[in-house]
Amino acid sequence: MIDIRVRHVFCASSLVVVLASLSLACSGGQGAAPGDGKSPVTDVRKTASAAAAEGTPAPSTVQPAPGAGVEKVRDVFAQLQATYNDGCTTPGNCEYFLGRVFDNLNALDRAMEADSQGPGHFKEPRAWIAQLQTRLGGDKSFANLKKHQDLLTGTRDKINAWMQNHPEDYR
C-alpha cells in the first residue's frame, strides 16, 4: 500500500509536470521560439484581413446562423475581464491585445442585444460600444485600433464598472 503522503507528493509532482508541458506547448506558434516577440495571432489577423479583401467575411463579423445562439452576457463579459491581465506592454502582443478587446466588445454587444432582458436593459453599455464603433469608422486595422487605444480600453473599463453594479447580469 502506498502511504498517503507519498500519493500526495506523486500527484503534486505529476500536476507540475502536466502544467509545465502545457505552458511550453502554449508559449508560441509553430516555428516561433518562446519570447521571440512575434505574436502567433498576427498570422490569424492577416488571414482574416485577406479573407475580408476576397469578400469572405472575417470570423468576427460572421453573424450566427439562425438558431445557433449567441453567447451569454456573463460568458462574454468574463472574456472581456480577462483582457485586464494583458496589454500593449509585451513586445509583439499589442496587436493581439487590441484586437481581442475589440472582438470581445463586439461579442458583448451581440450578447446584450440577444439577452432575454432585452437590449434596453443594456442601454448604456451598448451606447458606449456604438460610440466606439462610430469613432473607429469601420476600420479594424491595427493602426486604427492603436490610434484609438485609450477609447477602446476606456470603453472596456466603463462597461466593467457598469457590470460591477449589475451583478445579476454576469453571475
N, C-alpha and C. Protein backbone atom coordinates (compact mmCIF):
# COMPACT_ATOMS: atom_id res chain seq x y z
N MET A 1 0.83 -1.19 0.00
CA MET A 1 0.00 0.00 0.00
C MET A 1 0.87 1.25 0.00
N ILE A 2 0.45 2.21 -0.76
CA ILE A 2 1.21 3.45 -0.83
C ILE A 2 0.72 4.38 0.27
N ASP A 3 1.69 4.92 0.98
CA ASP A 3 1.39 5.87 2.05
C ASP A 3 0.70 7.10 1.46
N ILE A 4 -0.20 7.72 2.22
CA ILE A 4 -0.96 8.89 1.75
C ILE A 4 -0.01 10.03 1.38
N ARG A 5 1.03 10.26 2.15
CA ARG A 5 1.97 11.34 1.85
C ARG A 5 2.66 11.10 0.51
N VAL A 6 3.01 9.86 0.27
CA VAL A 6 3.67 9.52 -1.00
C VAL A 6 2.72 9.79 -2.15
N ARG A 7 1.46 9.42 -2.01
CA ARG A 7 0.47 9.68 -3.05
C ARG A 7 0.33 11.17 -3.31
N HIS A 8 0.29 11.97 -2.26
CA HIS A 8 0.16 13.43 -2.42
C HIS A 8 1.36 14.01 -3.15
N VAL A 9 2.56 13.55 -2.78
CA VAL A 9 3.77 14.04 -3.45
C VAL A 9 3.74 13.62 -4.91
N PHE A 10 3.38 12.37 -5.17
CA PHE A 10 3.30 11.87 -6.55
C PHE A 10 2.28 12.67 -7.37
N CYS A 11 1.10 12.89 -6.81
CA CYS A 11 0.06 13.65 -7.52
C CYS A 11 0.50 15.08 -7.76
N ALA A 12 1.10 15.71 -6.77
CA ALA A 12 1.54 17.10 -6.92
C ALA A 12 2.63 17.21 -7.98
N SER A 13 3.59 16.29 -7.96
CA SER A 13 4.66 16.36 -8.95
C SER A 13 4.12 16.06 -10.34
N SER A 14 3.16 15.16 -10.45
CA SER A 14 2.55 14.88 -11.75
C SER A 14 1.82 16.10 -12.28
N LEU A 15 1.14 16.80 -11.41
CA LEU A 15 0.43 18.02 -11.79
C LEU A 15 1.40 19.08 -12.29
N VAL A 16 2.53 19.22 -11.62
CA VAL A 16 3.54 20.20 -12.03
C VAL A 16 4.06 19.86 -13.42
N VAL A 17 4.33 18.60 -13.67
CA VAL A 17 4.84 18.17 -14.99
C VAL A 17 3.80 18.45 -16.07
N VAL A 18 2.56 18.14 -15.82
CA VAL A 18 1.50 18.37 -16.80
C VAL A 18 1.34 19.87 -17.08
N LEU A 19 1.30 20.68 -16.03
CA LEU A 19 1.16 22.12 -16.22
C LEU A 19 2.36 22.71 -16.94
N ALA A 20 3.55 22.25 -16.63
CA ALA A 20 4.75 22.75 -17.31
C ALA A 20 4.72 22.40 -18.78
N SER A 21 4.32 21.18 -19.11
CA SER A 21 4.28 20.79 -20.52
C SER A 21 3.20 21.57 -21.27
N LEU A 22 2.08 21.85 -20.62
CA LEU A 22 1.04 22.64 -21.27
C LEU A 22 1.50 24.07 -21.50
N SER A 23 2.19 24.65 -20.52
CA SER A 23 2.65 26.02 -20.71
C SER A 23 3.70 26.11 -21.80
N LEU A 24 4.53 25.10 -21.93
CA LEU A 24 5.51 25.10 -23.02
C LEU A 24 4.81 24.93 -24.37
N ALA A 25 3.80 24.11 -24.41
CA ALA A 25 3.07 23.88 -25.65
C ALA A 25 2.31 25.12 -26.10
N CYS A 26 1.91 25.95 -25.15
CA CYS A 26 1.12 27.14 -25.47
C CYS A 26 1.96 28.40 -25.57
N SER A 27 3.27 28.31 -25.44
CA SER A 27 4.08 29.51 -25.35
C SER A 27 4.38 30.18 -26.68
N GLY A 28 4.08 29.56 -27.78
CA GLY A 28 4.34 30.21 -29.07
C GLY A 28 3.74 29.43 -30.20
N GLY A 29 3.72 30.02 -31.35
CA GLY A 29 3.18 29.36 -32.52
C GLY A 29 4.19 28.37 -33.06
N GLN A 30 3.81 27.64 -34.10
CA GLN A 30 4.71 26.68 -34.70
C GLN A 30 5.89 27.43 -35.27
N GLY A 31 7.07 26.96 -34.97
CA GLY A 31 8.26 27.57 -35.51
C GLY A 31 8.67 28.85 -34.80
N ALA A 32 7.91 29.29 -33.83
CA ALA A 32 8.25 30.52 -33.12
C ALA A 32 8.95 30.15 -31.82
N ALA A 33 10.10 30.73 -31.62
CA ALA A 33 10.81 30.48 -30.38
C ALA A 33 10.10 31.24 -29.27
N PRO A 34 10.02 30.67 -28.07
CA PRO A 34 9.38 31.39 -26.98
C PRO A 34 10.07 32.73 -26.75
N GLY A 35 9.25 33.77 -26.61
CA GLY A 35 9.78 35.09 -26.32
C GLY A 35 10.42 35.77 -27.51
N ASP A 36 10.15 35.31 -28.74
CA ASP A 36 10.77 35.95 -29.90
C ASP A 36 10.08 37.24 -30.29
N GLY A 37 9.01 37.63 -29.54
CA GLY A 37 8.34 38.90 -29.79
C GLY A 37 7.30 38.83 -30.89
N LYS A 38 7.21 37.71 -31.59
CA LYS A 38 6.23 37.59 -32.67
C LYS A 38 4.98 36.91 -32.12
N SER A 39 3.88 37.56 -32.28
CA SER A 39 2.62 37.01 -31.80
C SER A 39 2.05 36.07 -32.85
N PRO A 40 1.64 34.84 -32.47
CA PRO A 40 1.04 33.94 -33.44
C PRO A 40 -0.28 34.48 -33.97
N VAL A 41 -0.86 35.44 -33.28
CA VAL A 41 -2.14 36.00 -33.70
C VAL A 41 -1.97 36.87 -34.94
N THR A 42 -0.76 37.37 -35.15
CA THR A 42 -0.51 38.21 -36.33
C THR A 42 -0.91 37.46 -37.59
N ASP A 43 -0.52 36.19 -37.69
CA ASP A 43 -0.86 35.40 -38.87
C ASP A 43 -2.37 35.22 -38.98
N VAL A 44 -3.06 35.02 -37.86
CA VAL A 44 -4.50 34.85 -37.87
C VAL A 44 -5.18 36.13 -38.35
N ARG A 45 -4.74 37.27 -37.85
CA ARG A 45 -5.33 38.55 -38.26
C ARG A 45 -5.06 38.82 -39.73
N LYS A 46 -3.85 38.50 -40.22
CA LYS A 46 -3.55 38.70 -41.64
C LYS A 46 -4.45 37.82 -42.50
N THR A 47 -4.68 36.59 -42.07
CA THR A 47 -5.57 35.69 -42.80
C THR A 47 -6.98 36.24 -42.82
N ALA A 48 -7.44 36.77 -41.67
CA ALA A 48 -8.78 37.34 -41.61
C ALA A 48 -8.88 38.56 -42.51
N SER A 49 -7.81 39.39 -42.55
CA SER A 49 -7.81 40.56 -43.42
C SER A 49 -7.85 40.15 -44.88
N ALA A 50 -7.09 39.10 -45.22
CA ALA A 50 -7.08 38.62 -46.60
C ALA A 50 -8.45 38.07 -46.98
N ALA A 51 -9.09 37.38 -46.06
CA ALA A 51 -10.43 36.85 -46.33
C ALA A 51 -11.42 37.98 -46.57
N ALA A 52 -11.28 39.06 -45.80
CA ALA A 52 -12.18 40.20 -45.97
C ALA A 52 -11.95 40.86 -47.32
N ALA A 53 -10.68 40.92 -47.76
CA ALA A 53 -10.37 41.52 -49.05
C ALA A 53 -10.94 40.69 -50.19
N GLU A 54 -11.03 39.38 -49.99
CA GLU A 54 -11.59 38.49 -51.01
C GLU A 54 -13.10 38.46 -50.99
N GLY A 55 -13.71 39.15 -50.04
CA GLY A 55 -15.16 39.18 -49.95
C GLY A 55 -15.73 38.18 -48.97
N THR A 56 -14.88 37.36 -48.38
CA THR A 56 -15.33 36.42 -47.36
C THR A 56 -15.30 37.13 -46.03
N PRO A 57 -16.39 37.12 -45.28
CA PRO A 57 -16.39 37.83 -44.01
C PRO A 57 -15.40 37.22 -43.03
N ALA A 58 -14.72 38.08 -42.28
CA ALA A 58 -13.79 37.63 -41.25
C ALA A 58 -14.60 36.95 -40.14
N PRO A 59 -13.97 36.03 -39.38
CA PRO A 59 -14.71 35.31 -38.34
C PRO A 59 -15.44 36.20 -37.36
N SER A 60 -14.88 37.35 -37.00
CA SER A 60 -15.52 38.19 -36.00
C SER A 60 -16.74 38.93 -36.55
N THR A 61 -16.90 38.93 -37.88
CA THR A 61 -18.04 39.64 -38.46
C THR A 61 -19.14 38.70 -38.93
N VAL A 62 -18.90 37.40 -38.83
CA VAL A 62 -19.90 36.43 -39.27
C VAL A 62 -21.04 36.40 -38.26
N GLN A 63 -22.24 36.57 -38.74
CA GLN A 63 -23.42 36.51 -37.87
C GLN A 63 -23.75 35.04 -37.62
N PRO A 64 -24.17 34.70 -36.42
CA PRO A 64 -24.51 33.31 -36.15
C PRO A 64 -25.71 32.88 -36.98
N ALA A 65 -25.70 31.63 -37.35
CA ALA A 65 -26.82 31.09 -38.12
C ALA A 65 -28.07 31.11 -37.25
N PRO A 66 -29.24 31.25 -37.86
CA PRO A 66 -30.47 31.25 -37.06
C PRO A 66 -30.53 29.99 -36.20
N GLY A 67 -30.80 30.19 -34.94
CA GLY A 67 -30.90 29.06 -34.02
C GLY A 67 -29.56 28.65 -33.43
N ALA A 68 -28.45 29.23 -33.95
CA ALA A 68 -27.13 28.85 -33.45
C ALA A 68 -26.90 29.40 -32.05
N GLY A 69 -27.58 30.47 -31.72
CA GLY A 69 -27.46 31.04 -30.38
C GLY A 69 -26.25 31.94 -30.26
N VAL A 70 -26.37 32.88 -29.39
CA VAL A 70 -25.30 33.82 -29.09
C VAL A 70 -24.82 33.51 -27.69
N GLU A 71 -23.55 33.76 -27.44
CA GLU A 71 -23.02 33.51 -26.11
C GLU A 71 -23.77 34.34 -25.08
N LYS A 72 -23.77 33.87 -23.86
CA LYS A 72 -24.43 34.59 -22.78
C LYS A 72 -23.58 35.79 -22.38
N VAL A 73 -24.24 36.83 -21.89
CA VAL A 73 -23.57 38.05 -21.48
C VAL A 73 -22.48 37.74 -20.46
N ARG A 74 -22.78 36.90 -19.49
CA ARG A 74 -21.79 36.61 -18.44
C ARG A 74 -20.54 35.96 -19.01
N ASP A 75 -20.70 35.09 -20.02
CA ASP A 75 -19.55 34.41 -20.60
C ASP A 75 -18.67 35.38 -21.39
N VAL A 76 -19.30 36.25 -22.17
CA VAL A 76 -18.54 37.22 -22.95
C VAL A 76 -17.90 38.25 -22.02
N PHE A 77 -18.63 38.64 -20.99
CA PHE A 77 -18.09 39.60 -20.03
C PHE A 77 -16.85 39.02 -19.35
N ALA A 78 -16.87 37.74 -19.04
CA ALA A 78 -15.70 37.09 -18.42
C ALA A 78 -14.50 37.16 -19.37
N GLN A 79 -14.74 36.97 -20.65
CA GLN A 79 -13.65 37.07 -21.63
C GLN A 79 -13.11 38.50 -21.68
N LEU A 80 -14.00 39.47 -21.62
CA LEU A 80 -13.58 40.87 -21.63
C LEU A 80 -12.77 41.20 -20.38
N GLN A 81 -13.20 40.70 -19.24
CA GLN A 81 -12.46 40.94 -17.99
C GLN A 81 -11.07 40.33 -18.05
N ALA A 82 -10.93 39.24 -18.77
CA ALA A 82 -9.61 38.59 -18.88
C ALA A 82 -8.60 39.48 -19.59
N THR A 83 -9.05 40.48 -20.33
CA THR A 83 -8.11 41.37 -21.01
C THR A 83 -7.38 42.28 -20.03
N TYR A 84 -7.86 42.35 -18.78
CA TYR A 84 -7.18 43.17 -17.78
C TYR A 84 -5.82 42.58 -17.44
N ASN A 85 -5.60 41.31 -17.74
CA ASN A 85 -4.32 40.67 -17.46
C ASN A 85 -3.38 40.75 -18.66
N ASP A 86 -3.72 41.56 -19.64
CA ASP A 86 -2.97 41.65 -20.87
C ASP A 86 -2.76 43.12 -21.20
N GLY A 87 -2.05 43.42 -22.23
CA GLY A 87 -1.87 44.81 -22.62
C GLY A 87 -0.86 44.96 -23.73
N CYS A 88 -0.48 46.19 -23.99
CA CYS A 88 0.48 46.51 -25.04
C CYS A 88 1.90 46.63 -24.51
N THR A 89 2.13 46.15 -23.32
CA THR A 89 3.46 46.29 -22.72
C THR A 89 4.42 45.20 -23.18
N THR A 90 3.92 44.07 -23.62
CA THR A 90 4.76 42.98 -24.09
C THR A 90 5.02 43.14 -25.58
N PRO A 91 6.27 43.13 -26.01
CA PRO A 91 6.55 43.28 -27.45
C PRO A 91 5.82 42.23 -28.28
N GLY A 92 5.22 42.66 -29.37
CA GLY A 92 4.53 41.74 -30.26
C GLY A 92 3.13 41.37 -29.81
N ASN A 93 2.69 41.89 -28.67
CA ASN A 93 1.40 41.49 -28.12
C ASN A 93 0.33 42.55 -28.32
N CYS A 94 0.70 43.76 -28.65
CA CYS A 94 -0.26 44.87 -28.71
C CYS A 94 -1.35 44.63 -29.75
N GLU A 95 -0.96 44.14 -30.90
CA GLU A 95 -1.95 43.89 -31.96
C GLU A 95 -2.98 42.86 -31.49
N TYR A 96 -2.49 41.80 -30.88
CA TYR A 96 -3.39 40.77 -30.36
C TYR A 96 -4.31 41.34 -29.29
N PHE A 97 -3.73 42.08 -28.35
CA PHE A 97 -4.50 42.64 -27.24
C PHE A 97 -5.61 43.56 -27.73
N LEU A 98 -5.28 44.52 -28.57
CA LEU A 98 -6.29 45.47 -29.05
C LEU A 98 -7.36 44.77 -29.88
N GLY A 99 -6.96 43.83 -30.70
CA GLY A 99 -7.93 43.06 -31.48
C GLY A 99 -8.84 42.25 -30.59
N ARG A 100 -8.27 41.71 -29.53
CA ARG A 100 -9.06 40.91 -28.59
C ARG A 100 -10.09 41.77 -27.87
N VAL A 101 -9.68 42.95 -27.38
CA VAL A 101 -10.62 43.84 -26.71
C VAL A 101 -11.72 44.24 -27.68
N PHE A 102 -11.35 44.59 -28.90
CA PHE A 102 -12.32 44.98 -29.92
C PHE A 102 -13.32 43.84 -30.17
N ASP A 103 -12.80 42.63 -30.39
CA ASP A 103 -13.68 41.48 -30.65
C ASP A 103 -14.58 41.17 -29.45
N ASN A 104 -14.02 41.25 -28.23
CA ASN A 104 -14.82 40.99 -27.04
C ASN A 104 -15.93 42.01 -26.86
N LEU A 105 -15.66 43.28 -27.15
CA LEU A 105 -16.70 44.31 -27.04
C LEU A 105 -17.82 44.07 -28.06
N ASN A 106 -17.45 43.67 -29.27
CA ASN A 106 -18.47 43.38 -30.28
C ASN A 106 -19.30 42.15 -29.89
N ALA A 107 -18.64 41.13 -29.37
CA ALA A 107 -19.36 39.93 -28.93
C ALA A 107 -20.28 40.27 -27.75
N LEU A 108 -19.82 41.13 -26.87
CA LEU A 108 -20.65 41.54 -25.73
C LEU A 108 -21.87 42.30 -26.22
N ASP A 109 -21.69 43.15 -27.20
CA ASP A 109 -22.82 43.90 -27.77
C ASP A 109 -23.86 42.93 -28.35
N ARG A 110 -23.40 41.94 -29.09
CA ARG A 110 -24.33 40.94 -29.66
C ARG A 110 -25.03 40.16 -28.55
N ALA A 111 -24.29 39.80 -27.50
CA ALA A 111 -24.88 39.04 -26.39
C ALA A 111 -25.92 39.88 -25.66
N MET A 112 -25.62 41.16 -25.47
CA MET A 112 -26.56 42.05 -24.79
C MET A 112 -27.82 42.26 -25.63
N GLU A 113 -27.64 42.34 -26.93
CA GLU A 113 -28.80 42.52 -27.82
C GLU A 113 -29.70 41.29 -27.79
N ALA A 114 -29.10 40.10 -27.70
CA ALA A 114 -29.86 38.86 -27.73
C ALA A 114 -30.35 38.42 -26.35
N ASP A 115 -29.94 39.10 -25.29
CA ASP A 115 -30.29 38.69 -23.94
C ASP A 115 -31.80 38.73 -23.72
N SER A 116 -32.29 37.84 -22.88
CA SER A 116 -33.73 37.73 -22.63
C SER A 116 -34.31 38.98 -21.95
N GLN A 117 -33.47 39.77 -21.30
CA GLN A 117 -33.95 41.00 -20.67
C GLN A 117 -34.19 42.10 -21.69
N GLY A 118 -33.74 41.87 -22.89
CA GLY A 118 -33.92 42.84 -23.96
C GLY A 118 -32.76 43.82 -24.04
N PRO A 119 -32.50 44.33 -25.23
CA PRO A 119 -31.36 45.23 -25.40
C PRO A 119 -31.50 46.53 -24.61
N GLY A 120 -32.72 46.92 -24.27
CA GLY A 120 -32.94 48.14 -23.49
C GLY A 120 -32.35 48.06 -22.09
N HIS A 121 -32.21 46.85 -21.56
CA HIS A 121 -31.62 46.67 -20.24
C HIS A 121 -30.16 47.09 -20.24
N PHE A 122 -29.50 46.95 -21.39
CA PHE A 122 -28.08 47.25 -21.51
C PHE A 122 -27.87 48.54 -22.32
N LYS A 123 -28.75 49.49 -22.13
CA LYS A 123 -28.75 50.71 -22.95
C LYS A 123 -27.40 51.45 -22.90
N GLU A 124 -26.88 51.70 -21.70
CA GLU A 124 -25.63 52.46 -21.59
C GLU A 124 -24.44 51.72 -22.19
N PRO A 125 -24.18 50.46 -21.82
CA PRO A 125 -23.02 49.77 -22.40
C PRO A 125 -23.11 49.67 -23.93
N ARG A 126 -24.30 49.43 -24.43
CA ARG A 126 -24.45 49.32 -25.89
C ARG A 126 -24.23 50.67 -26.55
N ALA A 127 -24.60 51.76 -25.88
CA ALA A 127 -24.36 53.10 -26.43
C ALA A 127 -22.85 53.38 -26.46
N TRP A 128 -22.11 52.96 -25.44
CA TRP A 128 -20.66 53.17 -25.43
C TRP A 128 -19.99 52.39 -26.55
N ILE A 129 -20.46 51.17 -26.78
CA ILE A 129 -19.90 50.36 -27.87
C ILE A 129 -20.22 51.00 -29.21
N ALA A 130 -21.44 51.53 -29.36
CA ALA A 130 -21.83 52.20 -30.60
C ALA A 130 -20.96 53.44 -30.84
N GLN A 131 -20.67 54.20 -29.78
CA GLN A 131 -19.80 55.37 -29.91
C GLN A 131 -18.40 54.95 -30.36
N LEU A 132 -17.91 53.85 -29.80
CA LEU A 132 -16.61 53.33 -30.19
C LEU A 132 -16.61 52.97 -31.67
N GLN A 133 -17.66 52.26 -32.08
CA GLN A 133 -17.76 51.85 -33.49
C GLN A 133 -17.77 53.07 -34.41
N THR A 134 -18.49 54.10 -34.02
CA THR A 134 -18.56 55.32 -34.82
C THR A 134 -17.19 55.96 -34.95
N ARG A 135 -16.48 56.06 -33.84
CA ARG A 135 -15.14 56.67 -33.85
C ARG A 135 -14.15 55.85 -34.67
N LEU A 136 -14.30 54.52 -34.64
CA LEU A 136 -13.39 53.67 -35.42
C LEU A 136 -13.72 53.74 -36.90
N GLY A 137 -14.93 54.12 -37.24
CA GLY A 137 -15.32 54.29 -38.62
C GLY A 137 -15.24 53.02 -39.45
N GLY A 138 -15.42 51.88 -38.83
CA GLY A 138 -15.38 50.62 -39.56
C GLY A 138 -13.97 50.12 -39.85
N ASP A 139 -12.96 50.86 -39.44
CA ASP A 139 -11.57 50.48 -39.68
C ASP A 139 -11.05 49.67 -38.49
N LYS A 140 -10.89 48.36 -38.68
CA LYS A 140 -10.44 47.48 -37.61
C LYS A 140 -8.94 47.18 -37.71
N SER A 141 -8.23 47.97 -38.51
CA SER A 141 -6.79 47.74 -38.67
C SER A 141 -6.06 48.00 -37.36
N PHE A 142 -4.91 47.39 -37.21
CA PHE A 142 -4.12 47.59 -36.00
C PHE A 142 -3.76 49.06 -35.82
N ALA A 143 -3.40 49.73 -36.90
CA ALA A 143 -3.03 51.14 -36.81
C ALA A 143 -4.18 51.97 -36.24
N ASN A 144 -5.41 51.71 -36.68
CA ASN A 144 -6.56 52.47 -36.19
C ASN A 144 -6.90 52.08 -34.75
N LEU A 145 -6.80 50.79 -34.44
CA LEU A 145 -7.06 50.37 -33.05
C LEU A 145 -6.02 50.97 -32.11
N LYS A 146 -4.77 51.02 -32.55
CA LYS A 146 -3.71 51.61 -31.74
C LYS A 146 -3.97 53.11 -31.54
N LYS A 147 -4.40 53.77 -32.60
CA LYS A 147 -4.72 55.21 -32.54
C LYS A 147 -5.83 55.47 -31.51
N HIS A 148 -6.78 54.56 -31.42
CA HIS A 148 -7.93 54.71 -30.52
C HIS A 148 -7.82 53.81 -29.29
N GLN A 149 -6.59 53.46 -28.92
CA GLN A 149 -6.37 52.54 -27.80
C GLN A 149 -7.02 53.03 -26.52
N ASP A 150 -6.88 54.31 -26.21
CA ASP A 150 -7.47 54.84 -24.97
C ASP A 150 -8.99 54.74 -24.99
N LEU A 151 -9.60 55.01 -26.14
CA LEU A 151 -11.05 54.89 -26.26
C LEU A 151 -11.48 53.43 -26.12
N LEU A 152 -10.72 52.53 -26.73
CA LEU A 152 -11.03 51.10 -26.68
C LEU A 152 -10.96 50.58 -25.25
N THR A 153 -9.87 50.86 -24.56
CA THR A 153 -9.74 50.37 -23.18
C THR A 153 -10.65 51.15 -22.24
N GLY A 154 -10.90 52.43 -22.55
CA GLY A 154 -11.82 53.22 -21.73
C GLY A 154 -13.24 52.69 -21.82
N THR A 155 -13.65 52.26 -23.02
CA THR A 155 -14.98 51.67 -23.20
C THR A 155 -15.07 50.37 -22.40
N ARG A 156 -14.02 49.57 -22.49
CA ARG A 156 -13.98 48.32 -21.70
C ARG A 156 -14.12 48.63 -20.22
N ASP A 157 -13.40 49.65 -19.74
CA ASP A 157 -13.41 49.98 -18.32
C ASP A 157 -14.77 50.50 -17.86
N LYS A 158 -15.42 51.33 -18.70
CA LYS A 158 -16.75 51.84 -18.34
C LYS A 158 -17.76 50.69 -18.27
N ILE A 159 -17.66 49.77 -19.22
CA ILE A 159 -18.58 48.63 -19.22
C ILE A 159 -18.31 47.75 -18.01
N ASN A 160 -17.06 47.57 -17.65
CA ASN A 160 -16.72 46.78 -16.46
C ASN A 160 -17.34 47.41 -15.22
N ALA A 161 -17.22 48.72 -15.08
CA ALA A 161 -17.79 49.41 -13.91
C ALA A 161 -19.32 49.27 -13.91
N TRP A 162 -19.94 49.41 -15.07
CA TRP A 162 -21.39 49.27 -15.18
C TRP A 162 -21.81 47.86 -14.77
N MET A 163 -21.11 46.86 -15.28
CA MET A 163 -21.46 45.47 -14.97
C MET A 163 -21.24 45.15 -13.49
N GLN A 164 -20.24 45.75 -12.87
CA GLN A 164 -20.00 45.51 -11.45
C GLN A 164 -21.19 45.99 -10.62
N ASN A 165 -21.91 46.98 -11.11
CA ASN A 165 -23.10 47.47 -10.44
C ASN A 165 -24.36 46.70 -10.83
N HIS A 166 -24.22 45.72 -11.71
CA HIS A 166 -25.33 44.86 -12.15
C HIS A 166 -24.89 43.40 -12.09
N PRO A 167 -24.54 42.90 -10.89
CA PRO A 167 -24.02 41.54 -10.79
C PRO A 167 -24.98 40.46 -11.26
N GLU A 168 -26.27 40.75 -11.25
CA GLU A 168 -27.24 39.75 -11.71
C GLU A 168 -27.06 39.45 -13.21
N ASP A 169 -26.38 40.32 -13.93
CA ASP A 169 -26.19 40.11 -15.36
C ASP A 169 -24.99 39.24 -15.70
N TYR A 170 -24.12 39.00 -14.76
CA TYR A 170 -22.95 38.19 -15.11
C TYR A 170 -22.65 37.06 -14.12
N ARG A 171 -23.54 36.82 -13.20
CA ARG A 171 -23.31 35.71 -12.26
C ARG A 171 -24.25 34.58 -12.53
